[in-house]
Each structure stands twice: as C-alpha cells, then as structure tokens.
Amino acid sequence: MAIEEILFYVLAGLTVLSALLMVTSRNPIHSILYLIITFFCISGHYILLNAQFLAVVNIIVYAGAIMVLFLFVVMLMNLNSEKKSFGTPAKLAVAGVVCLVFIILTISILTTNGKPTTAVEMGTGEIGLIHNLGMLLYSDYVLPFELSSILFISAMIGAVILSKKDKELID
C-alpha cells in the first residue's frame, strides 16, 4: 500500500467522522468546530489530488473566514432564550420553493459535465495548477460555475428572509 492510499483512507475516515459528529451534535458551537475539521480534511484530499491552490483557498476562505464568522454569530446569539419558530405558512412555502430550485439546479449541475475528462494523477501532472484551473473553469465549466453562484446568492437571500422575525414574535 502506498503512502497516498494510507493518507487517503485516514483523511476519508476523519472527514466522514467529523461530518457525522457535526450533524449529530446538539451544541451549535461543537457543530461548527466539527465542520472546520471537515474542511481541513477536505483540504488534505485536495493536496493528495495535486490541487494545492484549492487546498489553500479552502482553508483560508471556508475554515478561516466563513466558519469563524459562523462561530462568532452563534456565540453572539443567545439561542436558548428565543422562541423556536419557522415562521408563517407563506415563509414555509417560499422556503419549499427555494429548496425545490436548489434541487433542480444541483441536478442540472451534476448532469451538465458529469464525466471527468482526465484521470486523477497522484502527486504528478499539472492538474491542480492555477493557470490550468482558471482556463478550465472559465471555458468548459462556465455554466456550472455560474449556476453555483446563483445557488449561493439564493441561499443568502433565503437565510435573510427566514431569519426575519414574524410580527407575532416581535410583540
């Protein structure tokens, strides 16, 4: 067994374990910390695939910035003192429509370019270099890239709408 295979299995096990702990944890702070561990493990997978740029961006952007922001927001919110309500039926209907749009967009992203064009090369080749990544991203995969940006902006809008308090909760 090669060292790459051993590292892959260790990272895969840690990724699955931390993801399961993130989902099953009742404490939101612990869930965020498990998600940070998951992002670090995924960065390890990127390094094994010779995609160093993606690994560094994953650590800087996701684990470094977004998860720290989530951690501060969860720590600043007093989650135990608020009433738990998902909102009015209109908000639930809008949330259902948004979820349906997410599912449709995700299926279209997966079916657009589902087959890889090159084989994975462990530790060799120029697959993970920035120039090749940029050329491929903005030529062959421009439609899935733009669809994923629509998904992200829709998720942000949906989170803002769902986080607004109902008139009943304000009074």
N, C-alpha and C. Protein backbone atom coordinates (compact mmCIF):
# COMPACT_ATOMS: atom_id res chain seq x y z
N MET A 1 0.85 -1.18 0.00
CA MET A 1 0.00 0.00 0.00
C MET A 1 0.89 1.24 0.00
N ALA A 2 0.60 2.17 -0.87
CA ALA A 2 1.39 3.39 -0.99
C ALA A 2 0.97 4.38 0.09
N ILE A 3 1.84 5.34 0.34
CA ILE A 3 1.56 6.35 1.37
C ILE A 3 0.35 7.20 1.00
N GLU A 4 0.13 7.42 -0.31
CA GLU A 4 -1.02 8.20 -0.74
C GLU A 4 -2.33 7.51 -0.38
N GLU A 5 -2.35 6.18 -0.53
CA GLU A 5 -3.56 5.43 -0.21
C GLU A 5 -3.84 5.46 1.28
N ILE A 6 -2.79 5.31 2.09
CA ILE A 6 -2.96 5.36 3.54
C ILE A 6 -3.47 6.73 3.96
N LEU A 7 -2.88 7.79 3.42
CA LEU A 7 -3.34 9.14 3.75
C LEU A 7 -4.79 9.36 3.29
N PHE A 8 -5.13 8.83 2.12
CA PHE A 8 -6.50 8.97 1.64
C PHE A 8 -7.49 8.32 2.59
N TYR A 9 -7.21 7.10 3.01
CA TYR A 9 -8.14 6.39 3.90
C TYR A 9 -8.24 7.06 5.26
N VAL A 10 -7.12 7.54 5.79
CA VAL A 10 -7.16 8.25 7.07
C VAL A 10 -7.96 9.54 6.95
N LEU A 11 -7.69 10.32 5.90
CA LEU A 11 -8.44 11.57 5.70
C LEU A 11 -9.91 11.31 5.42
N ALA A 12 -10.21 10.26 4.66
CA ALA A 12 -11.61 9.94 4.38
C ALA A 12 -12.34 9.55 5.66
N GLY A 13 -11.71 8.75 6.50
CA GLY A 13 -12.32 8.37 7.77
C GLY A 13 -12.55 9.57 8.67
N LEU A 14 -11.55 10.45 8.76
CA LEU A 14 -11.71 11.66 9.58
C LEU A 14 -12.79 12.58 9.03
N THR A 15 -12.86 12.67 7.70
CA THR A 15 -13.88 13.52 7.08
C THR A 15 -15.28 13.01 7.39
N VAL A 16 -15.49 11.72 7.21
CA VAL A 16 -16.81 11.15 7.47
C VAL A 16 -17.15 11.23 8.95
N LEU A 17 -16.19 10.94 9.82
CA LEU A 17 -16.44 11.00 11.26
C LEU A 17 -16.78 12.42 11.71
N SER A 18 -16.01 13.40 11.28
CA SER A 18 -16.29 14.78 11.71
C SER A 18 -17.58 15.29 11.10
N ALA A 19 -17.92 14.86 9.88
CA ALA A 19 -19.19 15.27 9.29
C ALA A 19 -20.36 14.67 10.05
N LEU A 20 -20.25 13.40 10.45
CA LEU A 20 -21.32 12.79 11.24
C LEU A 20 -21.45 13.45 12.61
N LEU A 21 -20.32 13.75 13.24
CA LEU A 21 -20.37 14.45 14.52
C LEU A 21 -20.97 15.85 14.38
N MET A 22 -20.69 16.51 13.26
CA MET A 22 -21.26 17.83 13.02
C MET A 22 -22.78 17.76 12.93
N VAL A 23 -23.29 16.77 12.22
CA VAL A 23 -24.73 16.66 12.03
C VAL A 23 -25.43 16.22 13.31
N THR A 24 -24.82 15.34 14.07
CA THR A 24 -25.48 14.79 15.25
C THR A 24 -25.26 15.59 16.53
N SER A 25 -24.36 16.53 16.53
CA SER A 25 -24.09 17.32 17.73
C SER A 25 -25.24 18.26 18.03
N ARG A 26 -25.63 18.33 19.30
CA ARG A 26 -26.72 19.22 19.70
C ARG A 26 -26.23 20.63 20.00
N ASN A 27 -24.97 20.77 20.29
CA ASN A 27 -24.39 22.08 20.59
C ASN A 27 -23.96 22.73 19.27
N PRO A 28 -24.49 23.94 18.94
CA PRO A 28 -24.12 24.54 17.66
C PRO A 28 -22.65 24.92 17.56
N ILE A 29 -22.01 25.25 18.65
CA ILE A 29 -20.58 25.59 18.61
C ILE A 29 -19.76 24.35 18.29
N HIS A 30 -20.13 23.22 18.88
CA HIS A 30 -19.41 21.98 18.57
C HIS A 30 -19.62 21.59 17.11
N SER A 31 -20.83 21.81 16.60
CA SER A 31 -21.10 21.51 15.19
C SER A 31 -20.21 22.33 14.27
N ILE A 32 -20.04 23.60 14.58
CA ILE A 32 -19.18 24.46 13.75
C ILE A 32 -17.73 24.01 13.83
N LEU A 33 -17.27 23.63 15.01
CA LEU A 33 -15.89 23.16 15.14
C LEU A 33 -15.68 21.86 14.37
N TYR A 34 -16.66 20.96 14.40
CA TYR A 34 -16.55 19.74 13.60
C TYR A 34 -16.55 20.05 12.11
N LEU A 35 -17.30 21.07 11.71
CA LEU A 35 -17.31 21.45 10.30
C LEU A 35 -15.95 22.01 9.88
N ILE A 36 -15.29 22.74 10.75
CA ILE A 36 -13.94 23.24 10.47
C ILE A 36 -12.97 22.06 10.28
N ILE A 37 -13.09 21.04 11.13
CA ILE A 37 -12.25 19.85 10.97
C ILE A 37 -12.53 19.18 9.63
N THR A 38 -13.80 19.13 9.24
CA THR A 38 -14.15 18.56 7.94
C THR A 38 -13.51 19.32 6.80
N PHE A 39 -13.51 20.66 6.89
CA PHE A 39 -12.88 21.47 5.84
C PHE A 39 -11.38 21.21 5.77
N PHE A 40 -10.72 21.06 6.90
CA PHE A 40 -9.29 20.76 6.88
C PHE A 40 -9.03 19.39 6.25
N CYS A 41 -9.87 18.42 6.54
CA CYS A 41 -9.70 17.09 5.93
C CYS A 41 -9.92 17.15 4.42
N ILE A 42 -10.90 17.92 3.98
CA ILE A 42 -11.13 18.07 2.54
C ILE A 42 -9.93 18.76 1.89
N SER A 43 -9.32 19.71 2.57
CA SER A 43 -8.10 20.33 2.04
C SER A 43 -6.98 19.31 1.90
N GLY A 44 -6.91 18.37 2.82
CA GLY A 44 -5.94 17.28 2.69
C GLY A 44 -6.18 16.44 1.46
N HIS A 45 -7.46 16.21 1.14
CA HIS A 45 -7.79 15.49 -0.10
C HIS A 45 -7.36 16.29 -1.33
N TYR A 46 -7.55 17.60 -1.29
CA TYR A 46 -7.11 18.43 -2.41
C TYR A 46 -5.59 18.33 -2.61
N ILE A 47 -4.85 18.30 -1.52
CA ILE A 47 -3.40 18.18 -1.63
C ILE A 47 -3.02 16.83 -2.24
N LEU A 48 -3.74 15.77 -1.85
CA LEU A 48 -3.47 14.46 -2.44
C LEU A 48 -3.76 14.44 -3.94
N LEU A 49 -4.70 15.28 -4.38
CA LEU A 49 -5.03 15.35 -5.80
C LEU A 49 -4.18 16.36 -6.56
N ASN A 50 -3.14 16.88 -5.92
CA ASN A 50 -2.23 17.85 -6.52
C ASN A 50 -2.95 19.16 -6.86
N ALA A 51 -3.90 19.54 -6.02
CA ALA A 51 -4.62 20.80 -6.20
C ALA A 51 -4.32 21.68 -4.99
N GLN A 52 -3.08 22.14 -4.93
CA GLN A 52 -2.64 22.91 -3.78
C GLN A 52 -3.37 24.23 -3.65
N PHE A 53 -3.66 24.86 -4.78
CA PHE A 53 -4.37 26.14 -4.75
C PHE A 53 -5.75 25.98 -4.12
N LEU A 54 -6.48 24.95 -4.52
CA LEU A 54 -7.80 24.71 -3.93
C LEU A 54 -7.71 24.40 -2.44
N ALA A 55 -6.66 23.69 -2.04
CA ALA A 55 -6.48 23.37 -0.62
C ALA A 55 -6.27 24.64 0.19
N VAL A 56 -5.42 25.52 -0.29
CA VAL A 56 -5.14 26.76 0.43
C VAL A 56 -6.36 27.67 0.45
N VAL A 57 -7.06 27.77 -0.67
CA VAL A 57 -8.27 28.59 -0.72
C VAL A 57 -9.34 28.02 0.21
N ASN A 58 -9.46 26.72 0.25
CA ASN A 58 -10.43 26.08 1.14
C ASN A 58 -10.13 26.41 2.60
N ILE A 59 -8.87 26.36 2.97
CA ILE A 59 -8.51 26.66 4.36
C ILE A 59 -8.71 28.14 4.66
N ILE A 60 -8.26 29.01 3.76
CA ILE A 60 -8.35 30.45 4.03
C ILE A 60 -9.80 30.93 4.03
N VAL A 61 -10.54 30.55 2.99
CA VAL A 61 -11.89 31.09 2.84
C VAL A 61 -12.89 30.38 3.74
N TYR A 62 -12.97 29.06 3.65
CA TYR A 62 -14.01 28.36 4.38
C TYR A 62 -13.66 28.20 5.85
N ALA A 63 -12.56 27.52 6.15
CA ALA A 63 -12.23 27.26 7.55
C ALA A 63 -11.79 28.54 8.25
N GLY A 64 -11.10 29.42 7.55
CA GLY A 64 -10.58 30.61 8.19
C GLY A 64 -11.57 31.73 8.34
N ALA A 65 -12.34 32.02 7.31
CA ALA A 65 -13.19 33.20 7.35
C ALA A 65 -14.65 32.87 7.63
N ILE A 66 -15.24 32.02 6.82
CA ILE A 66 -16.67 31.78 6.95
C ILE A 66 -17.00 31.05 8.24
N MET A 67 -16.25 30.03 8.58
CA MET A 67 -16.57 29.28 9.80
C MET A 67 -16.30 30.11 11.05
N VAL A 68 -15.27 30.93 11.05
CA VAL A 68 -15.05 31.81 12.20
C VAL A 68 -16.19 32.81 12.33
N LEU A 69 -16.67 33.31 11.19
CA LEU A 69 -17.83 34.21 11.21
C LEU A 69 -19.05 33.49 11.77
N PHE A 70 -19.31 32.26 11.33
CA PHE A 70 -20.43 31.47 11.86
C PHE A 70 -20.26 31.26 13.36
N LEU A 71 -19.05 30.96 13.78
CA LEU A 71 -18.79 30.73 15.20
C LEU A 71 -19.09 31.97 16.02
N PHE A 72 -18.66 33.14 15.56
CA PHE A 72 -18.96 34.37 16.28
C PHE A 72 -20.45 34.68 16.30
N VAL A 73 -21.13 34.45 15.20
CA VAL A 73 -22.57 34.71 15.15
C VAL A 73 -23.31 33.80 16.11
N VAL A 74 -22.96 32.53 16.13
CA VAL A 74 -23.63 31.60 17.04
C VAL A 74 -23.32 31.95 18.49
N MET A 75 -22.09 32.37 18.76
CA MET A 75 -21.74 32.72 20.13
C MET A 75 -22.42 34.02 20.57
N LEU A 76 -22.63 34.95 19.65
CA LEU A 76 -23.29 36.21 20.00
C LEU A 76 -24.80 36.05 20.15
N MET A 77 -25.37 35.10 19.42
CA MET A 77 -26.81 34.86 19.55
C MET A 77 -27.07 34.02 20.78
N ASN A 78 -28.10 34.38 21.51
CA ASN A 78 -28.48 33.56 22.65
C ASN A 78 -29.58 32.63 22.19
N LEU A 79 -29.20 31.44 21.74
CA LEU A 79 -30.14 30.53 21.11
C LEU A 79 -31.13 29.91 22.08
N ASN A 80 -30.79 29.87 23.36
CA ASN A 80 -31.67 29.22 24.32
C ASN A 80 -32.83 30.10 24.75
N SER A 81 -32.73 31.43 24.62
CA SER A 81 -33.77 32.31 25.11
C SER A 81 -34.83 32.64 24.07
N GLU A 82 -34.60 32.34 22.81
CA GLU A 82 -35.55 32.69 21.77
C GLU A 82 -36.59 31.60 21.59
N LYS A 83 -37.77 32.01 21.12
CA LYS A 83 -38.79 31.05 20.74
C LYS A 83 -38.35 30.40 19.43
N LYS A 84 -38.58 29.11 19.36
CA LYS A 84 -38.25 28.40 18.12
C LYS A 84 -39.47 28.39 17.23
N SER A 85 -39.39 29.09 16.11
CA SER A 85 -40.49 29.14 15.16
C SER A 85 -39.91 29.22 13.76
N PHE A 86 -40.52 28.48 12.85
CA PHE A 86 -40.06 28.51 11.47
C PHE A 86 -40.78 29.56 10.65
N GLY A 87 -41.73 30.26 11.24
CA GLY A 87 -42.37 31.35 10.53
C GLY A 87 -43.77 31.02 10.06
N THR A 88 -44.29 31.92 9.29
CA THR A 88 -45.64 31.80 8.78
C THR A 88 -45.69 30.77 7.66
N PRO A 89 -46.90 30.32 7.31
CA PRO A 89 -47.01 29.37 6.18
C PRO A 89 -46.49 29.95 4.87
N ALA A 90 -46.59 31.27 4.70
CA ALA A 90 -46.06 31.88 3.47
C ALA A 90 -44.54 31.73 3.40
N LYS A 91 -43.87 31.94 4.54
CA LYS A 91 -42.42 31.77 4.56
C LYS A 91 -42.04 30.31 4.32
N LEU A 92 -42.82 29.39 4.88
CA LEU A 92 -42.53 27.97 4.66
C LEU A 92 -42.73 27.60 3.19
N ALA A 93 -43.75 28.18 2.54
CA ALA A 93 -43.97 27.90 1.12
C ALA A 93 -42.82 28.45 0.28
N VAL A 94 -42.37 29.65 0.60
CA VAL A 94 -41.23 30.23 -0.13
C VAL A 94 -39.98 29.39 0.09
N ALA A 95 -39.78 28.93 1.33
CA ALA A 95 -38.62 28.08 1.62
C ALA A 95 -38.71 26.77 0.84
N GLY A 96 -39.90 26.21 0.71
CA GLY A 96 -40.07 24.98 -0.08
C GLY A 96 -39.77 25.19 -1.54
N VAL A 97 -40.20 26.32 -2.09
CA VAL A 97 -39.92 26.63 -3.50
C VAL A 97 -38.41 26.82 -3.70
N VAL A 98 -37.76 27.51 -2.76
CA VAL A 98 -36.32 27.72 -2.87
C VAL A 98 -35.58 26.38 -2.80
N CYS A 99 -36.03 25.49 -1.91
CA CYS A 99 -35.41 24.16 -1.83
C CYS A 99 -35.59 23.39 -3.12
N LEU A 100 -36.76 23.50 -3.72
CA LEU A 100 -37.01 22.83 -4.99
C LEU A 100 -36.09 23.38 -6.09
N VAL A 101 -35.91 24.70 -6.11
CA VAL A 101 -34.99 25.31 -7.08
C VAL A 101 -33.56 24.83 -6.85
N PHE A 102 -33.15 24.71 -5.57
CA PHE A 102 -31.82 24.20 -5.27
C PHE A 102 -31.64 22.78 -5.78
N ILE A 103 -32.65 21.96 -5.60
CA ILE A 103 -32.55 20.57 -6.05
C ILE A 103 -32.44 20.52 -7.57
N ILE A 104 -33.26 21.32 -8.26
CA ILE A 104 -33.22 21.34 -9.72
C ILE A 104 -31.87 21.84 -10.23
N LEU A 105 -31.35 22.92 -9.62
CA LEU A 105 -30.05 23.44 -10.04
C LEU A 105 -28.93 22.46 -9.75
N THR A 106 -28.99 21.78 -8.62
CA THR A 106 -27.96 20.81 -8.28
C THR A 106 -27.98 19.65 -9.27
N ILE A 107 -29.16 19.17 -9.62
CA ILE A 107 -29.25 18.09 -10.60
C ILE A 107 -28.72 18.55 -11.96
N SER A 108 -29.03 19.79 -12.34
CA SER A 108 -28.53 20.28 -13.63
C SER A 108 -27.02 20.46 -13.62
N ILE A 109 -26.46 20.87 -12.48
CA ILE A 109 -25.00 20.99 -12.38
C ILE A 109 -24.35 19.62 -12.50
N LEU A 110 -24.91 18.64 -11.83
CA LEU A 110 -24.32 17.30 -11.86
C LEU A 110 -24.46 16.62 -13.21
N THR A 111 -25.51 16.91 -13.94
CA THR A 111 -25.70 16.25 -15.23
C THR A 111 -25.07 16.99 -16.39
N THR A 112 -24.66 18.26 -16.20
CA THR A 112 -24.07 19.02 -17.29
C THR A 112 -22.72 18.44 -17.70
N ASN A 113 -21.81 18.30 -16.76
CA ASN A 113 -20.48 17.75 -17.04
C ASN A 113 -20.18 16.71 -15.98
N GLY A 114 -20.83 15.58 -16.06
CA GLY A 114 -20.70 14.56 -15.04
C GLY A 114 -19.48 13.68 -15.18
N LYS A 115 -18.90 13.59 -16.35
CA LYS A 115 -17.78 12.68 -16.56
C LYS A 115 -16.48 13.46 -16.57
N PRO A 116 -15.48 12.98 -15.79
CA PRO A 116 -14.19 13.66 -15.81
C PRO A 116 -13.49 13.45 -17.15
N THR A 117 -12.76 14.48 -17.58
CA THR A 117 -12.08 14.39 -18.87
C THR A 117 -10.70 13.78 -18.75
N THR A 118 -10.08 13.86 -17.57
CA THR A 118 -8.75 13.28 -17.39
C THR A 118 -8.74 12.42 -16.14
N ALA A 119 -7.82 11.49 -16.11
CA ALA A 119 -7.68 10.64 -14.94
C ALA A 119 -6.96 11.40 -13.83
N VAL A 120 -7.20 11.00 -12.60
CA VAL A 120 -6.55 11.62 -11.45
C VAL A 120 -5.11 11.15 -11.39
N GLU A 121 -4.21 12.09 -11.25
CA GLU A 121 -2.79 11.77 -11.13
C GLU A 121 -2.33 12.15 -9.74
N MET A 122 -1.91 11.17 -8.99
CA MET A 122 -1.49 11.42 -7.61
C MET A 122 -0.06 11.98 -7.58
N GLY A 123 0.08 13.23 -7.19
CA GLY A 123 1.38 13.84 -6.98
C GLY A 123 2.14 14.21 -8.24
N THR A 124 1.56 14.00 -9.41
CA THR A 124 2.25 14.34 -10.65
C THR A 124 1.32 15.14 -11.54
N GLY A 125 1.81 15.61 -12.61
CA GLY A 125 0.98 16.30 -13.59
C GLY A 125 0.76 17.76 -13.23
N GLU A 126 -0.06 18.40 -14.04
CA GLU A 126 -0.33 19.83 -13.86
C GLU A 126 -1.82 20.08 -13.66
N ILE A 127 -2.52 19.12 -13.07
CA ILE A 127 -3.97 19.23 -12.92
C ILE A 127 -4.33 20.35 -11.96
N GLY A 128 -3.63 20.50 -10.85
CA GLY A 128 -4.01 21.45 -9.82
C GLY A 128 -3.41 22.83 -9.96
N LEU A 129 -2.71 23.13 -11.04
CA LEU A 129 -2.07 24.43 -11.18
C LEU A 129 -3.12 25.50 -11.46
N ILE A 130 -2.84 26.72 -11.04
CA ILE A 130 -3.82 27.80 -11.10
C ILE A 130 -4.18 28.14 -12.54
N HIS A 131 -3.22 28.19 -13.42
CA HIS A 131 -3.49 28.56 -14.81
C HIS A 131 -4.43 27.55 -15.47
N ASN A 132 -4.12 26.27 -15.28
CA ASN A 132 -4.98 25.23 -15.86
C ASN A 132 -6.37 25.24 -15.24
N LEU A 133 -6.44 25.48 -13.94
CA LEU A 133 -7.73 25.54 -13.26
C LEU A 133 -8.58 26.70 -13.78
N GLY A 134 -7.97 27.86 -13.93
CA GLY A 134 -8.71 29.02 -14.43
C GLY A 134 -9.18 28.84 -15.87
N MET A 135 -8.32 28.30 -16.71
CA MET A 135 -8.71 28.07 -18.11
C MET A 135 -9.86 27.08 -18.20
N LEU A 136 -9.80 26.02 -17.42
CA LEU A 136 -10.86 25.02 -17.44
C LEU A 136 -12.15 25.55 -16.83
N LEU A 137 -12.03 26.31 -15.76
CA LEU A 137 -13.21 26.83 -15.06
C LEU A 137 -13.98 27.82 -15.91
N TYR A 138 -13.29 28.67 -16.63
CA TYR A 138 -13.97 29.70 -17.42
C TYR A 138 -14.17 29.33 -18.88
N SER A 139 -13.86 28.09 -19.26
CA SER A 139 -14.14 27.66 -20.63
C SER A 139 -15.15 26.50 -20.62
N ASP A 140 -14.74 25.35 -20.15
CA ASP A 140 -15.61 24.18 -20.20
C ASP A 140 -16.68 24.19 -19.12
N TYR A 141 -16.37 24.73 -17.94
CA TYR A 141 -17.28 24.64 -16.80
C TYR A 141 -17.87 25.99 -16.42
N VAL A 142 -18.05 26.90 -17.37
CA VAL A 142 -18.57 28.23 -17.05
C VAL A 142 -20.04 28.15 -16.64
N LEU A 143 -20.84 27.28 -17.26
CA LEU A 143 -22.26 27.18 -16.90
C LEU A 143 -22.44 26.62 -15.48
N PRO A 144 -21.81 25.51 -15.10
CA PRO A 144 -21.95 25.06 -13.71
C PRO A 144 -21.39 26.07 -12.70
N PHE A 145 -20.34 26.80 -13.10
CA PHE A 145 -19.77 27.81 -12.20
C PHE A 145 -20.78 28.93 -11.94
N GLU A 146 -21.45 29.38 -12.99
CA GLU A 146 -22.45 30.44 -12.82
C GLU A 146 -23.69 29.93 -12.10
N LEU A 147 -24.08 28.68 -12.36
CA LEU A 147 -25.23 28.12 -11.65
C LEU A 147 -24.94 28.00 -10.16
N SER A 148 -23.71 27.65 -9.80
CA SER A 148 -23.38 27.58 -8.38
C SER A 148 -23.37 28.96 -7.74
N SER A 149 -23.01 30.00 -8.49
CA SER A 149 -23.09 31.35 -7.92
C SER A 149 -24.54 31.76 -7.69
N ILE A 150 -25.44 31.31 -8.57
CA ILE A 150 -26.88 31.57 -8.35
C ILE A 150 -27.36 30.83 -7.11
N LEU A 151 -26.87 29.61 -6.90
CA LEU A 151 -27.23 28.87 -5.69
C LEU A 151 -26.77 29.60 -4.44
N PHE A 152 -25.55 30.13 -4.45
CA PHE A 152 -25.04 30.82 -3.27
C PHE A 152 -25.82 32.09 -2.97
N ILE A 153 -26.14 32.89 -3.98
CA ILE A 153 -26.88 34.12 -3.74
C ILE A 153 -28.30 33.81 -3.30
N SER A 154 -28.90 32.74 -3.84
CA SER A 154 -30.24 32.34 -3.40
C SER A 154 -30.22 31.87 -1.96
N ALA A 155 -29.18 31.15 -1.56
CA ALA A 155 -29.07 30.70 -0.18
C ALA A 155 -28.93 31.87 0.77
N MET A 156 -28.16 32.89 0.38
CA MET A 156 -28.03 34.06 1.25
C MET A 156 -29.34 34.81 1.38
N ILE A 157 -30.06 34.97 0.28
CA ILE A 157 -31.36 35.66 0.33
C ILE A 157 -32.34 34.85 1.17
N GLY A 158 -32.37 33.54 0.99
CA GLY A 158 -33.26 32.69 1.78
C GLY A 158 -32.94 32.73 3.26
N ALA A 159 -31.66 32.77 3.61
CA ALA A 159 -31.29 32.84 5.02
C ALA A 159 -31.73 34.16 5.64
N VAL A 160 -31.62 35.25 4.89
CA VAL A 160 -32.06 36.55 5.41
C VAL A 160 -33.57 36.56 5.58
N ILE A 161 -34.31 36.02 4.62
CA ILE A 161 -35.77 36.02 4.71
C ILE A 161 -36.24 35.14 5.86
N LEU A 162 -35.64 33.96 6.02
CA LEU A 162 -36.06 33.06 7.08
C LEU A 162 -35.64 33.54 8.46
N SER A 163 -34.60 34.36 8.54
CA SER A 163 -34.16 34.84 9.85
C SER A 163 -34.94 36.04 10.34
N LYS A 164 -35.73 36.67 9.47
CA LYS A 164 -36.56 37.78 9.90
C LYS A 164 -37.61 37.28 10.88
N LYS A 165 -37.87 38.07 11.91
CA LYS A 165 -38.86 37.67 12.89
C LYS A 165 -40.26 37.96 12.38
N ASP A 166 -41.19 37.10 12.75
CA ASP A 166 -42.58 37.33 12.40
C ASP A 166 -43.14 38.44 13.27
N LYS A 167 -44.25 39.01 12.83
CA LYS A 167 -44.88 40.08 13.61
C LYS A 167 -45.37 39.57 14.95
N GLU A 168 -45.73 38.27 15.02
CA GLU A 168 -46.19 37.69 16.28
C GLU A 168 -45.06 37.61 17.30
N LEU A 169 -43.85 37.33 16.84
CA LEU A 169 -42.72 37.19 17.76
C LEU A 169 -42.21 38.55 18.26
N ILE A 170 -42.41 39.59 17.49
CA ILE A 170 -41.91 40.92 17.88
C ILE A 170 -42.75 41.47 19.03
N ASP A 171 -44.07 41.24 18.99
CA ASP A 171 -44.96 41.75 20.05
C ASP A 171 -44.81 41.03 21.32
